[in-house]
Full PDB file with SEQRES, HELIX, SHEET, SSBOND, CRYST1, ORIGX, SCALE, CONECT and MASTER records, all heavy atoms in Angstrom:
SEQRES   1 A   38  MET ALA ILE ALA GLN VAL LEU PRO ALA LEU VAL ASP LYS          
SEQRES   2 A   38  PRO TYR LEU GLN ALA ALA SER VAL ASN CYS ASP ALA SER          
SEQRES   3 A   38  THR THR ALA SER PRO ASP GLN GLY PHE SER PRO PRO              
HELIX    1 AA1 ALA A    2  VAL A   11  1                                  10    
HELIX    2 AA2 ALA A   18  SER A   20  5                                   3    
HELIX    3 AA3 ALA A   25  THR A   27  5                                   3    
HELIX    4 AA4 PRO A   31  GLN A   33  5                                   3    
CRYST1    1.000    1.000    1.000  90.00  90.00  90.00 P 1           1          
ORIGX1      1.000000  0.000000  0.000000        0.00000                         
ORIGX2      0.000000  1.000000  0.000000        0.00000                         
ORIGX3      0.000000  0.000000  1.000000        0.00000                         
SCALE1      1.000000  0.000000  0.000000        0.00000                         
SCALE2      0.000000  1.000000  0.000000        0.00000                         
SCALE3      0.000000  0.000000  1.000000        0.00000                         
ATOM      1  N   MET A   1     -10.409  -4.268 -19.641  1.00  0.00           N  
ATOM      2  CA  MET A   1     -11.550  -3.481 -19.163  1.00  0.00           C  
ATOM      3  C   MET A   1     -11.887  -3.772 -17.661  1.00  0.00           C  
ATOM      4  O   MET A   1     -12.211  -2.931 -16.815  1.00  0.00           O  
ATOM      5  CB  MET A   1     -12.789  -3.705 -20.030  1.00  0.00           C  
ATOM      6  CG  MET A   1     -13.942  -2.844 -19.627  1.00  0.00           C  
ATOM      7  SD  MET A   1     -13.700  -1.104 -19.726  1.00  0.00           S  
ATOM      8  CE  MET A   1     -13.699  -0.876 -21.425  1.00  0.00           C  
ATOM      9  N   ALA A   2     -11.871  -5.148 -17.292  1.00  0.00           N  
ATOM     10  CA  ALA A   2     -12.190  -5.468 -15.927  1.00  0.00           C  
ATOM     11  C   ALA A   2     -11.117  -4.989 -14.964  1.00  0.00           C  
ATOM     12  O   ALA A   2     -11.364  -4.512 -13.873  1.00  0.00           O  
ATOM     13  CB  ALA A   2     -12.232  -7.023 -15.793  1.00  0.00           C  
ATOM     14  N   ILE A   3      -9.889  -4.959 -15.396  1.00  0.00           N  
ATOM     15  CA  ILE A   3      -8.829  -4.468 -14.609  1.00  0.00           C  
ATOM     16  C   ILE A   3      -8.928  -2.992 -14.345  1.00  0.00           C  
ATOM     17  O   ILE A   3      -8.864  -2.487 -13.266  1.00  0.00           O  
ATOM     18  CB  ILE A   3      -7.429  -4.786 -15.316  1.00  0.00           C  
ATOM     19  CG1 ILE A   3      -7.195  -6.315 -15.237  1.00  0.00           C  
ATOM     20  CG2 ILE A   3      -6.256  -4.085 -14.517  1.00  0.00           C  
ATOM     21  CD1 ILE A   3      -5.956  -6.733 -16.122  1.00  0.00           C  
ATOM     22  N   ALA A   4      -9.313  -2.232 -15.425  1.00  0.00           N  
ATOM     23  CA  ALA A   4      -9.394  -0.828 -15.348  1.00  0.00           C  
ATOM     24  C   ALA A   4     -10.572  -0.540 -14.422  1.00  0.00           C  
ATOM     25  O   ALA A   4     -10.506   0.572 -13.764  1.00  0.00           O  
ATOM     26  CB  ALA A   4      -9.725  -0.275 -16.772  1.00  0.00           C  
ATOM     27  N   GLN A   5     -11.635  -1.264 -14.374  1.00  0.00           N  
ATOM     28  CA  GLN A   5     -12.816  -0.944 -13.584  1.00  0.00           C  
ATOM     29  C   GLN A   5     -12.560  -1.239 -12.120  1.00  0.00           C  
ATOM     30  O   GLN A   5     -13.012  -0.569 -11.226  1.00  0.00           O  
ATOM     31  CB  GLN A   5     -14.038  -1.709 -14.024  1.00  0.00           C  
ATOM     32  CG  GLN A   5     -14.495  -1.232 -15.381  1.00  0.00           C  
ATOM     33  CD  GLN A   5     -15.667  -2.032 -15.957  1.00  0.00           C  
ATOM     34  OE1 GLN A   5     -15.877  -3.200 -15.484  1.00  0.00           O  
ATOM     35  NE2 GLN A   5     -16.371  -1.484 -16.796  1.00  0.00           N  
ATOM     36  N   VAL A   6     -11.716  -2.298 -11.756  1.00  0.00           N  
ATOM     37  CA  VAL A   6     -11.403  -2.631 -10.405  1.00  0.00           C  
ATOM     38  C   VAL A   6     -10.335  -1.833  -9.821  1.00  0.00           C  
ATOM     39  O   VAL A   6     -10.238  -1.658  -8.580  1.00  0.00           O  
ATOM     40  CB  VAL A   6     -11.185  -4.185 -10.269  1.00  0.00           C  
ATOM     41  CG1 VAL A   6      -9.843  -4.558 -10.729  1.00  0.00           C  
ATOM     42  CG2 VAL A   6     -11.478  -4.595  -8.920  1.00  0.00           C  
ATOM     43  N   LEU A   7      -9.342  -1.325 -10.569  1.00  0.00           N  
ATOM     44  CA  LEU A   7      -8.206  -0.611 -10.038  1.00  0.00           C  
ATOM     45  C   LEU A   7      -8.632   0.543  -9.105  1.00  0.00           C  
ATOM     46  O   LEU A   7      -7.925   0.718  -8.038  1.00  0.00           O  
ATOM     47  CB  LEU A   7      -7.315  -0.151 -11.225  1.00  0.00           C  
ATOM     48  CG  LEU A   7      -6.035   0.650 -10.842  1.00  0.00           C  
ATOM     49  CD1 LEU A   7      -5.169  -0.270 -10.001  1.00  0.00           C  
ATOM     50  CD2 LEU A   7      -5.331   1.093 -12.059  1.00  0.00           C  
ATOM     51  N   PRO A   8      -9.464   1.497  -9.507  1.00  0.00           N  
ATOM     52  CA  PRO A   8      -9.756   2.602  -8.549  1.00  0.00           C  
ATOM     53  C   PRO A   8     -10.187   2.144  -7.264  1.00  0.00           C  
ATOM     54  O   PRO A   8      -9.680   2.772  -6.291  1.00  0.00           O  
ATOM     55  CB  PRO A   8     -10.933   3.290  -9.348  1.00  0.00           C  
ATOM     56  CG  PRO A   8     -10.713   3.007 -10.842  1.00  0.00           C  
ATOM     57  CD  PRO A   8     -10.199   1.575 -10.738  1.00  0.00           C  
ATOM     58  N   ALA A   9     -11.046   1.121  -7.136  1.00  0.00           N  
ATOM     59  CA  ALA A   9     -11.468   0.678  -5.784  1.00  0.00           C  
ATOM     60  C   ALA A   9     -10.250   0.074  -5.013  1.00  0.00           C  
ATOM     61  O   ALA A   9     -10.211   0.254  -3.849  1.00  0.00           O  
ATOM     62  CB  ALA A   9     -12.478  -0.339  -5.923  1.00  0.00           C  
ATOM     63  N   LEU A  10      -9.286  -0.553  -5.666  1.00  0.00           N  
ATOM     64  CA  LEU A  10      -8.216  -1.271  -5.019  1.00  0.00           C  
ATOM     65  C   LEU A  10      -7.202  -0.281  -4.490  1.00  0.00           C  
ATOM     66  O   LEU A  10      -6.644  -0.430  -3.391  1.00  0.00           O  
ATOM     67  CB  LEU A  10      -7.548  -2.219  -5.985  1.00  0.00           C  
ATOM     68  CG  LEU A  10      -8.200  -3.508  -6.326  1.00  0.00           C  
ATOM     69  CD1 LEU A  10      -7.434  -4.252  -7.261  1.00  0.00           C  
ATOM     70  CD2 LEU A  10      -8.520  -4.327  -5.080  1.00  0.00           C  
ATOM     71  N   VAL A  11      -7.091   0.897  -5.214  1.00  0.00           N  
ATOM     72  CA  VAL A  11      -6.069   1.942  -4.798  1.00  0.00           C  
ATOM     73  C   VAL A  11      -6.804   3.132  -3.994  1.00  0.00           C  
ATOM     74  O   VAL A  11      -6.140   3.991  -3.591  1.00  0.00           O  
ATOM     75  CB  VAL A  11      -5.193   2.422  -5.976  1.00  0.00           C  
ATOM     76  CG1 VAL A  11      -4.472   1.303  -6.633  1.00  0.00           C  
ATOM     77  CG2 VAL A  11      -6.113   3.141  -7.001  1.00  0.00           C  
ATOM     78  N   ASP A  12      -8.146   2.905  -3.867  1.00  0.00           N  
ATOM     79  CA  ASP A  12      -8.942   3.907  -3.077  1.00  0.00           C  
ATOM     80  C   ASP A  12      -8.719   5.362  -3.671  1.00  0.00           C  
ATOM     81  O   ASP A  12      -8.387   6.326  -2.912  1.00  0.00           O  
ATOM     82  CB  ASP A  12      -8.468   3.960  -1.594  1.00  0.00           C  
ATOM     83  CG  ASP A  12      -9.503   4.698  -0.793  1.00  0.00           C  
ATOM     84  OD1 ASP A  12     -10.712   4.772  -1.188  1.00  0.00           O  
ATOM     85  OD2 ASP A  12      -9.189   5.193   0.275  1.00  0.00           O  
ATOM     86  N   LYS A  13      -8.770   5.478  -5.041  1.00  0.00           N  
ATOM     87  CA  LYS A  13      -8.728   6.734  -5.677  1.00  0.00           C  
ATOM     88  C   LYS A  13      -9.895   6.817  -6.675  1.00  0.00           C  
ATOM     89  O   LYS A  13     -10.318   5.856  -7.265  1.00  0.00           O  
ATOM     90  CB  LYS A  13      -7.354   6.853  -6.468  1.00  0.00           C  
ATOM     91  CG  LYS A  13      -6.191   7.021  -5.580  1.00  0.00           C  
ATOM     92  CD  LYS A  13      -4.891   7.239  -6.310  1.00  0.00           C  
ATOM     93  CE  LYS A  13      -3.728   7.518  -5.426  1.00  0.00           C  
ATOM     94  NZ  LYS A  13      -3.692   8.794  -4.874  1.00  0.00           N  
ATOM     95  N   PRO A  14     -10.239   8.040  -7.001  1.00  0.00           N  
ATOM     96  CA  PRO A  14     -11.219   8.292  -8.133  1.00  0.00           C  
ATOM     97  C   PRO A  14     -10.631   7.651  -9.441  1.00  0.00           C  
ATOM     98  O   PRO A  14      -9.375   7.612  -9.629  1.00  0.00           O  
ATOM     99  CB  PRO A  14     -11.429   9.795  -8.168  1.00  0.00           C  
ATOM    100  CG  PRO A  14     -10.929  10.301  -6.830  1.00  0.00           C  
ATOM    101  CD  PRO A  14      -9.859   9.297  -6.417  1.00  0.00           C  
ATOM    102  N   TYR A  15     -11.587   7.396 -10.319  1.00  0.00           N  
ATOM    103  CA  TYR A  15     -11.181   6.616 -11.518  1.00  0.00           C  
ATOM    104  C   TYR A  15     -10.076   7.499 -12.357  1.00  0.00           C  
ATOM    105  O   TYR A  15      -9.133   6.882 -12.732  1.00  0.00           O  
ATOM    106  CB  TYR A  15     -12.354   6.568 -12.484  1.00  0.00           C  
ATOM    107  CG  TYR A  15     -12.153   5.696 -13.674  1.00  0.00           C  
ATOM    108  CD1 TYR A  15     -12.320   4.213 -13.522  1.00  0.00           C  
ATOM    109  CD2 TYR A  15     -11.748   6.139 -14.942  1.00  0.00           C  
ATOM    110  CE1 TYR A  15     -12.154   3.427 -14.584  1.00  0.00           C  
ATOM    111  CE2 TYR A  15     -11.588   5.312 -15.998  1.00  0.00           C  
ATOM    112  CZ  TYR A  15     -11.746   3.931 -15.801  1.00  0.00           C  
ATOM    113  OH  TYR A  15     -11.554   3.067 -16.845  1.00  0.00           O  
ATOM    114  N   LEU A  16     -10.169   8.753 -12.420  1.00  0.00           N  
ATOM    115  CA  LEU A  16      -9.276   9.579 -13.208  1.00  0.00           C  
ATOM    116  C   LEU A  16      -7.863   9.739 -12.561  1.00  0.00           C  
ATOM    117  O   LEU A  16      -6.885  10.078 -13.186  1.00  0.00           O  
ATOM    118  CB  LEU A  16      -9.714  10.960 -13.487  1.00  0.00           C  
ATOM    119  CG  LEU A  16     -10.995  11.000 -14.446  1.00  0.00           C  
ATOM    120  CD1 LEU A  16     -11.564  12.306 -14.566  1.00  0.00           C  
ATOM    121  CD2 LEU A  16     -10.664  10.369 -15.797  1.00  0.00           C  
ATOM    122  N   GLN A  17      -7.821   9.513 -11.133  1.00  0.00           N  
ATOM    123  CA  GLN A  17      -6.580   9.593 -10.444  1.00  0.00           C  
ATOM    124  C   GLN A  17      -5.750   8.241 -10.310  1.00  0.00           C  
ATOM    125  O   GLN A  17      -4.677   8.244 -10.063  1.00  0.00           O  
ATOM    126  CB  GLN A  17      -6.781  10.237  -9.184  1.00  0.00           C  
ATOM    127  CG  GLN A  17      -7.235  11.674  -9.106  1.00  0.00           C  
ATOM    128  CD  GLN A  17      -7.549  12.184  -7.862  1.00  0.00           C  
ATOM    129  OE1 GLN A  17      -7.155  11.533  -6.737  1.00  0.00           O  
ATOM    130  NE2 GLN A  17      -8.102  13.398  -7.699  1.00  0.00           N  
ATOM    131  N   ALA A  18      -6.520   7.163 -10.614  1.00  0.00           N  
ATOM    132  CA  ALA A  18      -5.894   5.882 -10.468  1.00  0.00           C  
ATOM    133  C   ALA A  18      -4.727   5.604 -11.359  1.00  0.00           C  
ATOM    134  O   ALA A  18      -3.915   4.871 -11.060  1.00  0.00           O  
ATOM    135  CB  ALA A  18      -7.010   4.770 -10.624  1.00  0.00           C  
ATOM    136  N   ALA A  19      -4.709   6.225 -12.519  1.00  0.00           N  
ATOM    137  CA  ALA A  19      -3.599   6.033 -13.495  1.00  0.00           C  
ATOM    138  C   ALA A  19      -2.337   6.564 -12.932  1.00  0.00           C  
ATOM    139  O   ALA A  19      -1.293   6.184 -13.395  1.00  0.00           O  
ATOM    140  CB  ALA A  19      -4.007   6.761 -14.820  1.00  0.00           C  
ATOM    141  N   SER A  20      -2.334   7.511 -12.018  1.00  0.00           N  
ATOM    142  CA  SER A  20      -1.095   8.035 -11.486  1.00  0.00           C  
ATOM    143  C   SER A  20      -0.426   7.214 -10.313  1.00  0.00           C  
ATOM    144  O   SER A  20       0.600   7.548  -9.814  1.00  0.00           O  
ATOM    145  CB  SER A  20      -1.434   9.454 -10.982  1.00  0.00           C  
ATOM    146  OG  SER A  20      -2.305   9.408  -9.829  1.00  0.00           O  
ATOM    147  N   VAL A  21      -1.001   6.126 -10.027  1.00  0.00           N  
ATOM    148  CA  VAL A  21      -0.460   5.261  -8.909  1.00  0.00           C  
ATOM    149  C   VAL A  21       0.841   4.684  -9.375  1.00  0.00           C  
ATOM    150  O   VAL A  21       1.000   4.194 -10.519  1.00  0.00           O  
ATOM    151  CB  VAL A  21      -1.464   4.137  -8.604  1.00  0.00           C  
ATOM    152  CG1 VAL A  21      -0.902   3.176  -7.637  1.00  0.00           C  
ATOM    153  CG2 VAL A  21      -2.744   4.745  -7.963  1.00  0.00           C  
ATOM    154  N   ASN A  22       1.819   4.629  -8.541  1.00  0.00           N  
ATOM    155  CA  ASN A  22       3.283   4.075  -8.797  1.00  0.00           C  
ATOM    156  C   ASN A  22       3.104   2.682  -8.344  1.00  0.00           C  
ATOM    157  O   ASN A  22       2.887   2.306  -7.252  1.00  0.00           O  
ATOM    158  CB  ASN A  22       4.311   4.817  -7.994  1.00  0.00           C  
ATOM    159  CG  ASN A  22       5.726   4.289  -8.306  1.00  0.00           C  
ATOM    160  OD1 ASN A  22       5.740   3.339  -9.059  1.00  0.00           O  
ATOM    161  ND2 ASN A  22       6.615   4.858  -7.569  1.00  0.00           N  
ATOM    162  N   CYS A  23       3.197   1.675  -9.396  1.00  0.00           N  
ATOM    163  CA  CYS A  23       3.055   0.337  -9.090  1.00  0.00           C  
ATOM    164  C   CYS A  23       4.421  -0.389  -9.036  1.00  0.00           C  
ATOM    165  O   CYS A  23       4.492  -1.561  -9.442  1.00  0.00           O  
ATOM    166  CB  CYS A  23       2.172  -0.306 -10.244  1.00  0.00           C  
ATOM    167  SG  CYS A  23       0.512   0.279 -10.262  1.00  0.00           S  
ATOM    168  N   ASP A  24       5.519   0.326  -8.542  1.00  0.00           N  
ATOM    169  CA  ASP A  24       6.737  -0.479  -8.461  1.00  0.00           C  
ATOM    170  C   ASP A  24       6.756  -1.357  -7.204  1.00  0.00           C  
ATOM    171  O   ASP A  24       5.736  -1.358  -6.540  1.00  0.00           O  
ATOM    172  CB  ASP A  24       7.947   0.544  -8.335  1.00  0.00           C  
ATOM    173  CG  ASP A  24       7.854   1.478  -7.268  1.00  0.00           C  
ATOM    174  OD1 ASP A  24       7.193   1.204  -6.242  1.00  0.00           O  
ATOM    175  OD2 ASP A  24       8.544   2.587  -7.207  1.00  0.00           O  
ATOM    176  N   ALA A  25       7.850  -2.020  -6.981  1.00  0.00           N  
ATOM    177  CA  ALA A  25       7.843  -2.996  -5.963  1.00  0.00           C  
ATOM    178  C   ALA A  25       7.642  -2.399  -4.520  1.00  0.00           C  
ATOM    179  O   ALA A  25       7.078  -3.063  -3.643  1.00  0.00           O  
ATOM    180  CB  ALA A  25       9.168  -3.766  -5.844  1.00  0.00           C  
ATOM    181  N   SER A  26       7.919  -1.074  -4.361  1.00  0.00           N  
ATOM    182  CA  SER A  26       7.819  -0.492  -3.026  1.00  0.00           C  
ATOM    183  C   SER A  26       6.376  -0.300  -2.645  1.00  0.00           C  
ATOM    184  O   SER A  26       6.024  -0.081  -1.478  1.00  0.00           O  
ATOM    185  CB  SER A  26       8.565   0.778  -2.976  1.00  0.00           C  
ATOM    186  OG  SER A  26       7.905   1.765  -3.909  1.00  0.00           O  
ATOM    187  N   THR A  27       5.515  -0.310  -3.703  1.00  0.00           N  
ATOM    188  CA  THR A  27       4.057   0.042  -3.313  1.00  0.00           C  
ATOM    189  C   THR A  27       3.195  -1.239  -3.251  1.00  0.00           C  
ATOM    190  O   THR A  27       2.005  -1.315  -3.109  1.00  0.00           O  
ATOM    191  CB  THR A  27       3.431   0.978  -4.438  1.00  0.00           C  
ATOM    192  OG1 THR A  27       3.534   0.450  -5.599  1.00  0.00           O  
ATOM    193  CG2 THR A  27       4.158   2.248  -4.224  1.00  0.00           C  
ATOM    194  N   THR A  28       3.936  -2.402  -3.533  1.00  0.00           N  
ATOM    195  CA  THR A  28       3.125  -3.713  -3.602  1.00  0.00           C  
ATOM    196  C   THR A  28       2.736  -4.079  -2.222  1.00  0.00           C  
ATOM    197  O   THR A  28       3.403  -3.985  -1.283  1.00  0.00           O  
ATOM    198  CB  THR A  28       4.004  -4.803  -4.160  1.00  0.00           C  
ATOM    199  OG1 THR A  28       4.519  -4.483  -5.498  1.00  0.00           O  
ATOM    200  CG2 THR A  28       3.200  -6.128  -4.230  1.00  0.00           C  
ATOM    201  N   ALA A  29       1.379  -4.429  -2.109  1.00  0.00           N  
ATOM    202  CA  ALA A  29       0.915  -4.845  -0.779  1.00  0.00           C  
ATOM    203  C   ALA A  29       1.646  -6.012  -0.194  1.00  0.00           C  
ATOM    204  O   ALA A  29       1.873  -6.970  -0.956  1.00  0.00           O  
ATOM    205  CB  ALA A  29      -0.617  -5.078  -0.954  1.00  0.00           C  
ATOM    206  N   SER A  30       1.720  -6.087   1.086  1.00  0.00           N  
ATOM    207  CA  SER A  30       2.400  -7.168   1.761  1.00  0.00           C  
ATOM    208  C   SER A  30       1.406  -8.166   2.063  1.00  0.00           C  
ATOM    209  O   SER A  30       0.193  -7.899   2.175  1.00  0.00           O  
ATOM    210  CB  SER A  30       3.136  -6.744   2.925  1.00  0.00           C  
ATOM    211  OG  SER A  30       2.219  -6.065   3.824  1.00  0.00           O  
ATOM    212  N   PRO A  31       1.841  -9.451   2.302  1.00  0.00           N  
ATOM    213  CA  PRO A  31       0.872 -10.559   2.634  1.00  0.00           C  
ATOM    214  C   PRO A  31       0.094 -10.280   3.854  1.00  0.00           C  
ATOM    215  O   PRO A  31      -1.112 -10.729   3.979  1.00  0.00           O  
ATOM    216  CB  PRO A  31       1.808 -11.764   2.839  1.00  0.00           C  
ATOM    217  CG  PRO A  31       3.024 -11.409   1.948  1.00  0.00           C  
ATOM    218  CD  PRO A  31       3.143  -9.984   2.164  1.00  0.00           C  
ATOM    219  N   ASP A  32       0.654  -9.560   4.851  1.00  0.00           N  
ATOM    220  CA  ASP A  32      -0.169  -9.248   6.033  1.00  0.00           C  
ATOM    221  C   ASP A  32      -1.328  -8.269   5.803  1.00  0.00           C  
ATOM    222  O   ASP A  32      -2.248  -8.093   6.709  1.00  0.00           O  
ATOM    223  CB  ASP A  32       0.766  -8.735   7.124  1.00  0.00           C  
ATOM    224  CG  ASP A  32       1.427  -7.326   6.832  1.00  0.00           C  
ATOM    225  OD1 ASP A  32       1.392  -7.021   5.638  1.00  0.00           O  
ATOM    226  OD2 ASP A  32       1.828  -6.714   7.779  1.00  0.00           O  
ATOM    227  N   GLN A  33      -1.430  -7.679   4.602  1.00  0.00           N  
ATOM    228  CA  GLN A  33      -2.552  -6.834   4.285  1.00  0.00           C  
ATOM    229  C   GLN A  33      -3.632  -7.728   3.612  1.00  0.00           C  
ATOM    230  O   GLN A  33      -4.598  -7.038   3.173  1.00  0.00           O  
ATOM    231  CB  GLN A  33      -2.035  -5.719   3.261  1.00  0.00           C  
ATOM    232  CG  GLN A  33      -1.148  -4.685   3.978  1.00  0.00           C  
ATOM    233  CD  GLN A  33      -0.719  -3.670   3.056  1.00  0.00           C  
ATOM    234  OE1 GLN A  33       0.199  -4.006   2.247  1.00  0.00           O  
ATOM    235  NE2 GLN A  33      -1.170  -2.491   3.142  1.00  0.00           N  
ATOM    236  N   GLY A  34      -3.517  -8.915   3.469  1.00  0.00           N  
ATOM    237  CA  GLY A  34      -4.582  -9.734   2.933  1.00  0.00           C  
ATOM    238  C   GLY A  34      -4.388 -10.055   1.457  1.00  0.00           C  
ATOM    239  O   GLY A  34      -5.291 -10.649   0.814  1.00  0.00           O  
ATOM    240  N   PHE A  35      -3.255  -9.558   0.798  1.00  0.00           N  
ATOM    241  CA  PHE A  35      -3.077  -9.835  -0.609  1.00  0.00           C  
ATOM    242  C   PHE A  35      -2.255 -11.063  -0.720  1.00  0.00           C  
ATOM    243  O   PHE A  35      -1.431 -11.443   0.116  1.00  0.00           O  
ATOM    244  CB  PHE A  35      -2.335  -8.714  -1.205  1.00  0.00           C  
ATOM    245  CG  PHE A  35      -3.091  -7.459  -1.291  1.00  0.00           C  
ATOM    246  CD1 PHE A  35      -3.246  -6.672  -0.205  1.00  0.00           C  
ATOM    247  CD2 PHE A  35      -3.781  -6.991  -2.481  1.00  0.00           C  
ATOM    248  CE1 PHE A  35      -3.920  -5.452  -0.285  1.00  0.00           C  
ATOM    249  CE2 PHE A  35      -4.507  -5.939  -2.531  1.00  0.00           C  
ATOM    250  CZ  PHE A  35      -4.651  -5.061  -1.536  1.00  0.00           C  
ATOM    251  N   SER A  36      -2.458 -11.872  -1.805  1.00  0.00           N  
ATOM    252  CA  SER A  36      -1.634 -12.987  -2.053  1.00  0.00           C  
ATOM    253  C   SER A  36      -1.626 -13.168  -3.522  1.00  0.00           C  
ATOM    254  O   SER A  36      -2.598 -12.911  -4.201  1.00  0.00           O  
ATOM    255  CB  SER A  36      -2.242 -14.289  -1.464  1.00  0.00           C  
ATOM    256  OG  SER A  36      -3.523 -14.539  -1.870  1.00  0.00           O  
ATOM    257  N   PRO A  37      -0.472 -13.529  -4.048  1.00  0.00           N  
ATOM    258  CA  PRO A  37      -0.337 -13.739  -5.568  1.00  0.00           C  
ATOM    259  C   PRO A  37      -1.124 -14.875  -5.985  1.00  0.00           C  
ATOM    260  O   PRO A  37      -1.570 -15.801  -5.231  1.00  0.00           O  
ATOM    261  CB  PRO A  37       1.144 -14.061  -5.753  1.00  0.00           C  
ATOM    262  CG  PRO A  37       1.575 -14.604  -4.442  1.00  0.00           C  
ATOM    263  CD  PRO A  37       0.809 -13.891  -3.409  1.00  0.00           C  
ATOM    264  N   PRO A  38      -1.581 -14.838  -7.286  1.00  0.00           N  
ATOM    265  CA  PRO A  38      -2.421 -16.110  -7.737  1.00  0.00           C  
ATOM    266  C   PRO A  38      -1.538 -17.256  -7.779  1.00  0.00           C  
ATOM    267  O   PRO A  38      -0.411 -17.214  -7.951  1.00  0.00           O  
ATOM    268  CB  PRO A  38      -2.737 -15.616  -9.218  1.00  0.00           C  
ATOM    269  CG  PRO A  38      -1.721 -14.570  -9.603  1.00  0.00           C  
ATOM    270  CD  PRO A  38      -1.346 -13.888  -8.299  1.00  0.00           C  
TER     271      PRO A  38                                                      
MASTER        0    0    0    4    0    0    0    6  270    1    0    3          
END                                                                             
């Protein structure tokens, strides 16, 4: 539930459109964008 609620904000899409995001390796944010793995 927490993941589902935070996903739309992370992908900058409305809640109902967030499910269509392609999460393969080509769309993974790079370190220079401020993301880092846990």
